Amino acid sequence: MAKLPNLKPREVETVLFRAGFELVRTKGSHRTYYCRVKNCFTTVPFHPGDVSRGTLRAIIRQSEMTVEEFTGYLRKKR
């Protein structure tokens, strides 16, 4: 299993945007994203500090990506 990097919520949001997700809802400190192609939702907590590894793994699972795909979008430039 690939090792997950420590990411801020903003960085997770950037990866989701690059993967084709769009922001659909904000409630408190949580933002929900939707991908029309994959027809799936995922929620990212916007709390201070890094997103925990367990939460990050859940976000990746909900977005129907592999860890390799997720880190690939992380390295990808605009």
PDB file of N, CA and C in Angstrom:
ATOM      1  N   MET A   1       0.840  -1.165   0.000  1.00  0.00           N
ATOM      2  CA  MET A   1       0.000   0.000   0.000  1.00  0.00           C
ATOM      3  C   MET A   1       0.890   1.235   0.000  1.00  0.00           C
ATOM      4  N   ALA A   2       0.541   2.205  -0.827  1.00  0.00           N
ATOM      5  CA  ALA A   2       1.352   3.405  -0.958  1.00  0.00           C
ATOM      6  C   ALA A   2       1.211   4.302   0.272  1.00  0.00           C
ATOM      7  N   LYS A   3       2.302   4.979   0.589  1.00  0.00           N
ATOM      8  CA  LYS A   3       2.288   5.877   1.741  1.00  0.00           C
ATOM      9  C   LYS A   3       1.630   7.195   1.358  1.00  0.00           C
ATOM     10  N   LEU A   4       0.781   7.687   2.234  1.00  0.00           N
ATOM     11  CA  LEU A   4       0.077   8.937   1.990  1.00  0.00           C
ATOM     12  C   LEU A   4       0.883  10.121   2.508  1.00  0.00           C
ATOM     13  N   PRO A   5       0.905  11.214   1.752  1.00  0.00           N
ATOM     14  CA  PRO A   5       1.600  12.409   2.228  1.00  0.00           C
ATOM     15  C   PRO A   5       0.740  13.172   3.233  1.00  0.00           C
ATOM     16  N   ASN A   6       1.364  14.038   4.018  1.00  0.00           N
ATOM     17  CA  ASN A   6       0.630  14.937   4.911  1.00  0.00           C
ATOM     18  C   ASN A   6       0.145  16.108   4.065  1.00  0.00           C
ATOM     19  N   LEU A   7      -1.161  16.331   4.043  1.00  0.00           N
ATOM     20  CA  LEU A   7      -1.721  17.388   3.207  1.00  0.00           C
ATOM     21  C   LEU A   7      -2.625  18.304   4.011  1.00  0.00           C
ATOM     22  N   LYS A   8      -2.627  19.554   3.631  1.00  0.00           N
ATOM     23  CA  LYS A   8      -3.561  20.534   4.174  1.00  0.00           C
ATOM     24  C   LYS A   8      -4.882  20.370   3.420  1.00  0.00           C
ATOM     25  N   PRO A   9      -5.987  20.811   4.004  1.00  0.00           N
ATOM     26  CA  PRO A   9      -7.274  20.715   3.305  1.00  0.00           C
ATOM     27  C   PRO A   9      -7.273  21.412   1.944  1.00  0.00           C
ATOM     28  N   ARG A  10      -6.580  22.538   1.821  1.00  0.00           N
ATOM     29  CA  ARG A  10      -6.486  23.255   0.547  1.00  0.00           C
ATOM     30  C   ARG A  10      -5.850  22.383  -0.542  1.00  0.00           C
ATOM     31  N   GLU A  11      -4.808  21.622  -0.168  1.00  0.00           N
ATOM     32  CA  GLU A  11      -4.136  20.749  -1.129  1.00  0.00           C
ATOM     33  C   GLU A  11      -5.056  19.610  -1.573  1.00  0.00           C
ATOM     34  N   VAL A  12      -5.845  19.075  -0.643  1.00  0.00           N
ATOM     35  CA  VAL A  12      -6.807  18.027  -0.986  1.00  0.00           C
ATOM     36  C   VAL A  12      -7.843  18.599  -1.945  1.00  0.00           C
ATOM     37  N   GLU A  13      -8.296  19.812  -1.680  1.00  0.00           N
ATOM     38  CA  GLU A  13      -9.266  20.472  -2.548  1.00  0.00           C
ATOM     39  C   GLU A  13      -8.693  20.654  -3.954  1.00  0.00           C
ATOM     40  N   THR A  14      -7.445  21.048  -4.067  1.00  0.00           N
ATOM     41  CA  THR A  14      -6.797  21.230  -5.361  1.00  0.00           C
ATOM     42  C   THR A  14      -6.769  19.921  -6.144  1.00  0.00           C
ATOM     43  N   VAL A  15      -6.435  18.829  -5.467  1.00  0.00           N
ATOM     44  CA  VAL A  15      -6.411  17.518  -6.122  1.00  0.00           C
ATOM     45  C   VAL A  15      -7.806  17.162  -6.629  1.00  0.00           C
ATOM     46  N   LEU A  16      -8.821  17.390  -5.822  1.00  0.00           N
ATOM     47  CA  LEU A  16     -10.187  17.070  -6.237  1.00  0.00           C
ATOM     48  C   LEU A  16     -10.609  17.909  -7.445  1.00  0.00           C
ATOM     49  N   PHE A  17     -10.263  19.182  -7.467  1.00  0.00           N
ATOM     50  CA  PHE A  17     -10.588  20.026  -8.621  1.00  0.00           C
ATOM     51  C   PHE A  17      -9.889  19.511  -9.874  1.00  0.00           C
ATOM     52  N   ARG A  18      -8.639  19.121  -9.758  1.00  0.00           N
ATOM     53  CA  ARG A  18      -7.903  18.584 -10.906  1.00  0.00           C
ATOM     54  C   ARG A  18      -8.509  17.276 -11.403  1.00  0.00           C
ATOM     55  N   ALA A  19      -9.132  16.524 -10.507  1.00  0.00           N
ATOM     56  CA  ALA A  19      -9.744  15.244 -10.866  1.00  0.00           C
ATOM     57  C   ALA A  19     -11.158  15.423 -11.416  1.00  0.00           C
ATOM     58  N   GLY A  20     -11.655  16.654 -11.481  1.00  0.00           N
ATOM     59  CA  GLY A  20     -12.958  16.899 -12.075  1.00  0.00           C
ATOM     60  C   GLY A  20     -14.093  17.100 -11.091  1.00  0.00           C
ATOM     61  N   PHE A  21     -13.788  17.251  -9.815  1.00  0.00           N
ATOM     62  CA  PHE A  21     -14.824  17.490  -8.809  1.00  0.00           C
ATOM     63  C   PHE A  21     -15.152  18.972  -8.762  1.00  0.00           C
ATOM     64  N   GLU A  22     -16.357  19.283  -8.305  1.00  0.00           N
ATOM     65  CA  GLU A  22     -16.748  20.676  -8.100  1.00  0.00           C
ATOM     66  C   GLU A  22     -17.382  20.817  -6.722  1.00  0.00           C
ATOM     67  N   LEU A  23     -17.216  21.986  -6.149  1.00  0.00           N
ATOM     68  CA  LEU A  23     -17.771  22.274  -4.826  1.00  0.00           C
ATOM     69  C   LEU A  23     -19.281  22.442  -4.953  1.00  0.00           C
ATOM     70  N   VAL A  24     -20.028  21.679  -4.153  1.00  0.00           N
ATOM     71  CA  VAL A  24     -21.489  21.770  -4.230  1.00  0.00           C
ATOM     72  C   VAL A  24     -22.122  22.279  -2.947  1.00  0.00           C
ATOM     73  N   ARG A  25     -21.419  22.146  -1.816  1.00  0.00           N
ATOM     74  CA  ARG A  25     -22.054  22.540  -0.553  1.00  0.00           C
ATOM     75  C   ARG A  25     -20.976  22.810   0.496  1.00  0.00           C
ATOM     76  N   THR A  26     -21.253  23.789   1.343  1.00  0.00           N
ATOM     77  CA  THR A  26     -20.415  24.065   2.500  1.00  0.00           C
ATOM     78  C   THR A  26     -21.328  24.125   3.716  1.00  0.00           C
ATOM     79  N   LYS A  27     -20.973  23.365   4.737  1.00  0.00           N
ATOM     80  CA  LYS A  27     -21.748  23.391   5.972  1.00  0.00           C
ATOM     81  C   LYS A  27     -20.758  23.416   7.129  1.00  0.00           C
ATOM     82  N   GLY A  28     -20.682  24.547   7.780  1.00  0.00           N
ATOM     83  CA  GLY A  28     -19.710  24.692   8.857  1.00  0.00           C
ATOM     84  C   GLY A  28     -18.301  24.664   8.294  1.00  0.00           C
ATOM     85  N   SER A  29     -17.474  23.785   8.820  1.00  0.00           N
ATOM     86  CA  SER A  29     -16.094  23.695   8.351  1.00  0.00           C
ATOM     87  C   SER A  29     -15.874  22.510   7.416  1.00  0.00           C
ATOM     88  N   HIS A  30     -16.958  21.964   6.842  1.00  0.00           N
ATOM     89  CA  HIS A  30     -16.856  20.837   5.916  1.00  0.00           C
ATOM     90  C   HIS A  30     -17.360  21.256   4.537  1.00  0.00           C
ATOM     91  N   ARG A  31     -16.636  20.833   3.511  1.00  0.00           N
ATOM     92  CA  ARG A  31     -17.021  21.140   2.137  1.00  0.00           C
ATOM     93  C   ARG A  31     -17.278  19.831   1.395  1.00  0.00           C
ATOM     94  N   THR A  32     -18.358  19.805   0.618  1.00  0.00           N
ATOM     95  CA  THR A  32     -18.737  18.613  -0.121  1.00  0.00           C
ATOM     96  C   THR A  32     -18.503  18.856  -1.607  1.00  0.00           C
ATOM     97  N   TYR A  33     -17.891  17.869  -2.260  1.00  0.00           N
ATOM     98  CA  TYR A  33     -17.553  17.948  -3.673  1.00  0.00           C
ATOM     99  C   TYR A  33     -18.255  16.825  -4.424  1.00  0.00           C
ATOM    100  N   TYR A  34     -18.567  17.097  -5.700  1.00  0.00           N
ATOM    101  CA  TYR A  34     -19.276  16.127  -6.534  1.00  0.00           C
ATOM    102  C   TYR A  34     -18.562  15.999  -7.869  1.00  0.00           C
ATOM    103  N   CYS A  35     -18.477  14.773  -8.382  1.00  0.00           N
ATOM    104  CA  CYS A  35     -17.905  14.516  -9.700  1.00  0.00           C
ATOM    105  C   CYS A  35     -18.996  13.938 -10.583  1.00  0.00           C
ATOM    106  N   ARG A  36     -19.319  14.630 -11.662  1.00  0.00           N
ATOM    107  CA  ARG A  36     -20.372  14.173 -12.567  1.00  0.00           C
ATOM    108  C   ARG A  36     -19.965  12.917 -13.325  1.00  0.00           C
ATOM    109  N   VAL A  37     -18.704  12.806 -13.681  1.00  0.00           N
ATOM    110  CA  VAL A  37     -18.226  11.659 -14.449  1.00  0.00           C
ATOM    111  C   VAL A  37     -18.351  10.372 -13.634  1.00  0.00           C
ATOM    112  N   LYS A  38     -17.909  10.413 -12.397  1.00  0.00           N
ATOM    113  CA  LYS A  38     -17.932   9.228 -11.533  1.00  0.00           C
ATOM    114  C   LYS A  38     -19.220   9.109 -10.738  1.00  0.00           C
ATOM    115  N   ASN A  39     -20.028  10.184 -10.710  1.00  0.00           N
ATOM    116  CA  ASN A  39     -21.270  10.231  -9.958  1.00  0.00           C
ATOM    117  C   ASN A  39     -21.037   9.888  -8.479  1.00  0.00           C
ATOM    118  N   CYS A  40     -20.098  10.617  -7.855  1.00  0.00           N
ATOM    119  CA  CYS A  40     -19.804  10.365  -6.448  1.00  0.00           C
ATOM    120  C   CYS A  40     -19.569  11.678  -5.704  1.00  0.00           C
ATOM    121  N   PHE A  41     -19.813  11.628  -4.410  1.00  0.00           N
ATOM    122  CA  PHE A  41     -19.616  12.758  -3.502  1.00  0.00           C
ATOM    123  C   PHE A  41     -18.484  12.438  -2.537  1.00  0.00           C
ATOM    124  N   THR A  42     -17.791  13.468  -2.087  1.00  0.00           N
ATOM    125  CA  THR A  42     -16.824  13.317  -1.004  1.00  0.00           C
ATOM    126  C   THR A  42     -16.812  14.607  -0.189  1.00  0.00           C
ATOM    127  N   THR A  43     -16.532  14.483   1.095  1.00  0.00           N
ATOM    128  CA  THR A  43     -16.518  15.621   2.007  1.00  0.00           C
ATOM    129  C   THR A  43     -15.126  15.794   2.591  1.00  0.00           C
ATOM    130  N   VAL A  44     -14.671  17.048   2.625  1.00  0.00           N
ATOM    131  CA  VAL A  44     -13.347  17.369   3.171  1.00  0.00           C
ATOM    132  C   VAL A  44     -13.528  18.302   4.359  1.00  0.00           C
ATOM    133  N   PRO A  45     -12.981  17.931   5.530  1.00  0.00           N
ATOM    134  CA  PRO A  45     -13.039  18.832   6.687  1.00  0.00           C
ATOM    135  C   PRO A  45     -11.979  19.923   6.561  1.00  0.00           C
ATOM    136  N   PHE A  46     -12.370  21.173   6.692  1.00  0.00           N
ATOM    137  CA  PHE A  46     -11.434  22.293   6.623  1.00  0.00           C
ATOM    138  C   PHE A  46     -11.129  22.765   8.038  1.00  0.00           C
ATOM    139  N   HIS A  47     -10.338  21.963   8.750  1.00  0.00           N
ATOM    140  CA  HIS A  47      -9.894  22.288  10.099  1.00  0.00           C
ATOM    141  C   HIS A  47      -8.438  22.724  10.028  1.00  0.00           C
ATOM    142  N   PRO A  48      -7.942  23.429  11.032  1.00  0.00           N
ATOM    143  CA  PRO A  48      -6.532  23.822  11.027  1.00  0.00           C
ATOM    144  C   PRO A  48      -5.623  22.592  11.039  1.00  0.00           C
ATOM    145  N   GLY A  49      -4.490  22.696  10.380  1.00  0.00           N
ATOM    146  CA  GLY A  49      -3.525  21.602  10.359  1.00  0.00           C
ATOM    147  C   GLY A  49      -3.749  20.660   9.196  1.00  0.00           C
ATOM    148  N   ASP A  50      -3.096  19.516   9.262  1.00  0.00           N
ATOM    149  CA  ASP A  50      -3.168  18.521   8.195  1.00  0.00           C
ATOM    150  C   ASP A  50      -4.416  17.659   8.334  1.00  0.00           C
ATOM    151  N   VAL A  51      -4.845  17.096   7.198  1.00  0.00           N
ATOM    152  CA  VAL A  51      -5.920  16.108   7.202  1.00  0.00           C
ATOM    153  C   VAL A  51      -5.297  14.799   7.678  1.00  0.00           C
ATOM    154  N   SER A  52      -5.928  14.125   8.624  1.00  0.00           N
ATOM    155  CA  SER A  52      -5.357  12.883   9.148  1.00  0.00           C
ATOM    156  C   SER A  52      -5.315  11.823   8.051  1.00  0.00           C
ATOM    157  N   ARG A  53      -4.414  10.883   8.185  1.00  0.00           N
ATOM    158  CA  ARG A  53      -4.232   9.858   7.148  1.00  0.00           C
ATOM    159  C   ARG A  53      -5.473   9.000   6.962  1.00  0.00           C
ATOM    160  N   GLY A  54      -6.156   8.672   8.043  1.00  0.00           N
ATOM    161  CA  GLY A  54      -7.380   7.875   7.937  1.00  0.00           C
ATOM    162  C   GLY A  54      -8.470   8.624   7.194  1.00  0.00           C
ATOM    163  N   THR A  55      -8.602   9.903   7.482  1.00  0.00           N
ATOM    164  CA  THR A  55      -9.589  10.739   6.795  1.00  0.00           C
ATOM    165  C   THR A  55      -9.214  10.898   5.325  1.00  0.00           C
ATOM    166  N   LEU A  56      -7.931  11.080   5.055  1.00  0.00           N
ATOM    167  CA  LEU A  56      -7.467  11.216   3.679  1.00  0.00           C
ATOM    168  C   LEU A  56      -7.740   9.934   2.888  1.00  0.00           C
ATOM    169  N   ARG A  57      -7.509   8.794   3.501  1.00  0.00           N
ATOM    170  CA  ARG A  57      -7.780   7.518   2.840  1.00  0.00           C
ATOM    171  C   ARG A  57      -9.279   7.366   2.555  1.00  0.00           C
ATOM    172  N   ALA A  58     -10.126   7.825   3.472  1.00  0.00           N
ATOM    173  CA  ALA A  58     -11.580   7.782   3.267  1.00  0.00           C
ATOM    174  C   ALA A  58     -11.992   8.709   2.122  1.00  0.00           C
ATOM    175  N   ILE A  59     -11.378   9.887   2.036  1.00  0.00           N
ATOM    176  CA  ILE A  59     -11.672  10.823   0.945  1.00  0.00           C
ATOM    177  C   ILE A  59     -11.294  10.192  -0.392  1.00  0.00           C
ATOM    178  N   ILE A  60     -10.141   9.545  -0.447  1.00  0.00           N
ATOM    179  CA  ILE A  60      -9.701   8.890  -1.677  1.00  0.00           C
ATOM    180  C   ILE A  60     -10.663   7.768  -2.052  1.00  0.00           C
ATOM    181  N   ARG A  61     -11.085   6.991  -1.084  1.00  0.00           N
ATOM    182  CA  ARG A  61     -12.021   5.889  -1.336  1.00  0.00           C
ATOM    183  C   ARG A  61     -13.362   6.422  -1.834  1.00  0.00           C
ATOM    184  N   GLN A  62     -13.874   7.484  -1.195  1.00  0.00           N
ATOM    185  CA  GLN A  62     -15.151   8.072  -1.599  1.00  0.00           C
ATOM    186  C   GLN A  62     -15.086   8.679  -2.993  1.00  0.00           C
ATOM    187  N   SER A  63     -13.918   9.184  -3.371  1.00  0.00           N
ATOM    188  CA  SER A  63     -13.767   9.797  -4.691  1.00  0.00           C
ATOM    189  C   SER A  63     -13.462   8.763  -5.773  1.00  0.00           C
ATOM    190  N   GLU A  64     -13.485   7.502  -5.407  1.00  0.00           N
ATOM    191  CA  GLU A  64     -13.279   6.381  -6.331  1.00  0.00           C
ATOM    192  C   GLU A  64     -11.959   6.483  -7.094  1.00  0.00           C
ATOM    193  N   MET A  65     -10.904   6.840  -6.366  1.00  0.00           N
ATOM    194  CA  MET A  65      -9.552   6.895  -6.909  1.00  0.00           C
ATOM    195  C   MET A  65      -8.669   5.944  -6.126  1.00  0.00           C
ATOM    196  N   THR A  66      -7.539   5.618  -6.706  1.00  0.00           N
ATOM    197  CA  THR A  66      -6.518   4.882  -5.968  1.00  0.00           C
ATOM    198  C   THR A  66      -5.562   5.908  -5.364  1.00  0.00           C
ATOM    199  N   VAL A  67      -4.742   5.455  -4.437  1.00  0.00           N
ATOM    200  CA  VAL A  67      -3.759   6.356  -3.825  1.00  0.00           C
ATOM    201  C   VAL A  67      -2.792   6.861  -4.897  1.00  0.00           C
ATOM    202  N   GLU A  68      -2.435   6.000  -5.839  1.00  0.00           N
ATOM    203  CA  GLU A  68      -1.518   6.385  -6.919  1.00  0.00           C
ATOM    204  C   GLU A  68      -2.133   7.467  -7.811  1.00  0.00           C
ATOM    205  N   GLU A  69      -3.421   7.327  -8.143  1.00  0.00           N
ATOM    206  CA  GLU A  69      -4.097   8.351  -8.935  1.00  0.00           C
ATOM    207  C   GLU A  69      -4.135   9.677  -8.178  1.00  0.00           C
ATOM    208  N   PHE A  70      -4.468   9.598  -6.901  1.00  0.00           N
ATOM    209  CA  PHE A  70      -4.569  10.793  -6.065  1.00  0.00           C
ATOM    210  C   PHE A  70      -3.229  11.517  -6.010  1.00  0.00           C
ATOM    211  N   THR A  71      -2.151  10.800  -5.737  1.00  0.00           N
ATOM    212  CA  THR A  71      -0.834  11.436  -5.667  1.00  0.00           C
ATOM    213  C   THR A  71      -0.371  11.911  -7.043  1.00  0.00           C
ATOM    214  N   GLY A  72      -0.839  11.258  -8.110  1.00  0.00           N
ATOM    215  CA  GLY A  72      -0.537  11.708  -9.454  1.00  0.00           C
ATOM    216  C   GLY A  72      -1.131  13.083  -9.719  1.00  0.00           C
ATOM    217  N   TYR A  73      -2.382  13.300  -9.310  1.00  0.00           N
ATOM    218  CA  TYR A  73      -3.001  14.617  -9.441  1.00  0.00           C
ATOM    219  C   TYR A  73      -2.314  15.633  -8.540  1.00  0.00           C
ATOM    220  N   LEU A  74      -1.761  15.184  -7.437  1.00  0.00           N
ATOM    221  CA  LEU A  74      -1.059  16.082  -6.524  1.00  0.00           C
ATOM    222  C   LEU A  74       0.204  16.634  -7.183  1.00  0.00           C
ATOM    223  N   ARG A  75       0.912  15.782  -7.922  1.00  0.00           N
ATOM    224  CA  ARG A  75       2.164  16.186  -8.575  1.00  0.00           C
ATOM    225  C   ARG A  75       1.934  16.933  -9.870  1.00  0.00           C
ATOM    226  N   LYS A  76       0.766  16.746 -10.471  1.00  0.00           N
ATOM    227  CA  LYS A  76       0.450  17.332 -11.776  1.00  0.00           C
ATOM    228  C   LYS A  76       0.382  18.853 -11.678  1.00  0.00           C
ATOM    229  N   LYS A  77       0.984  19.514 -12.618  1.00  0.00           N
ATOM    230  CA  LYS A  77       0.900  20.988 -12.693  1.00  0.00           C
ATOM    231  C   LYS A  77      -0.318  21.357 -13.516  1.00  0.00           C
ATOM    232  N   ARG A  78      -0.789  22.571 -13.353  1.00  0.00           N
ATOM    233  CA  ARG A  78      -1.958  23.036 -14.100  1.00  0.00           C
ATOM    234  C   ARG A  78      -1.680  22.905 -15.527  1.00  0.00           C
TER     235      ARG A  78
END
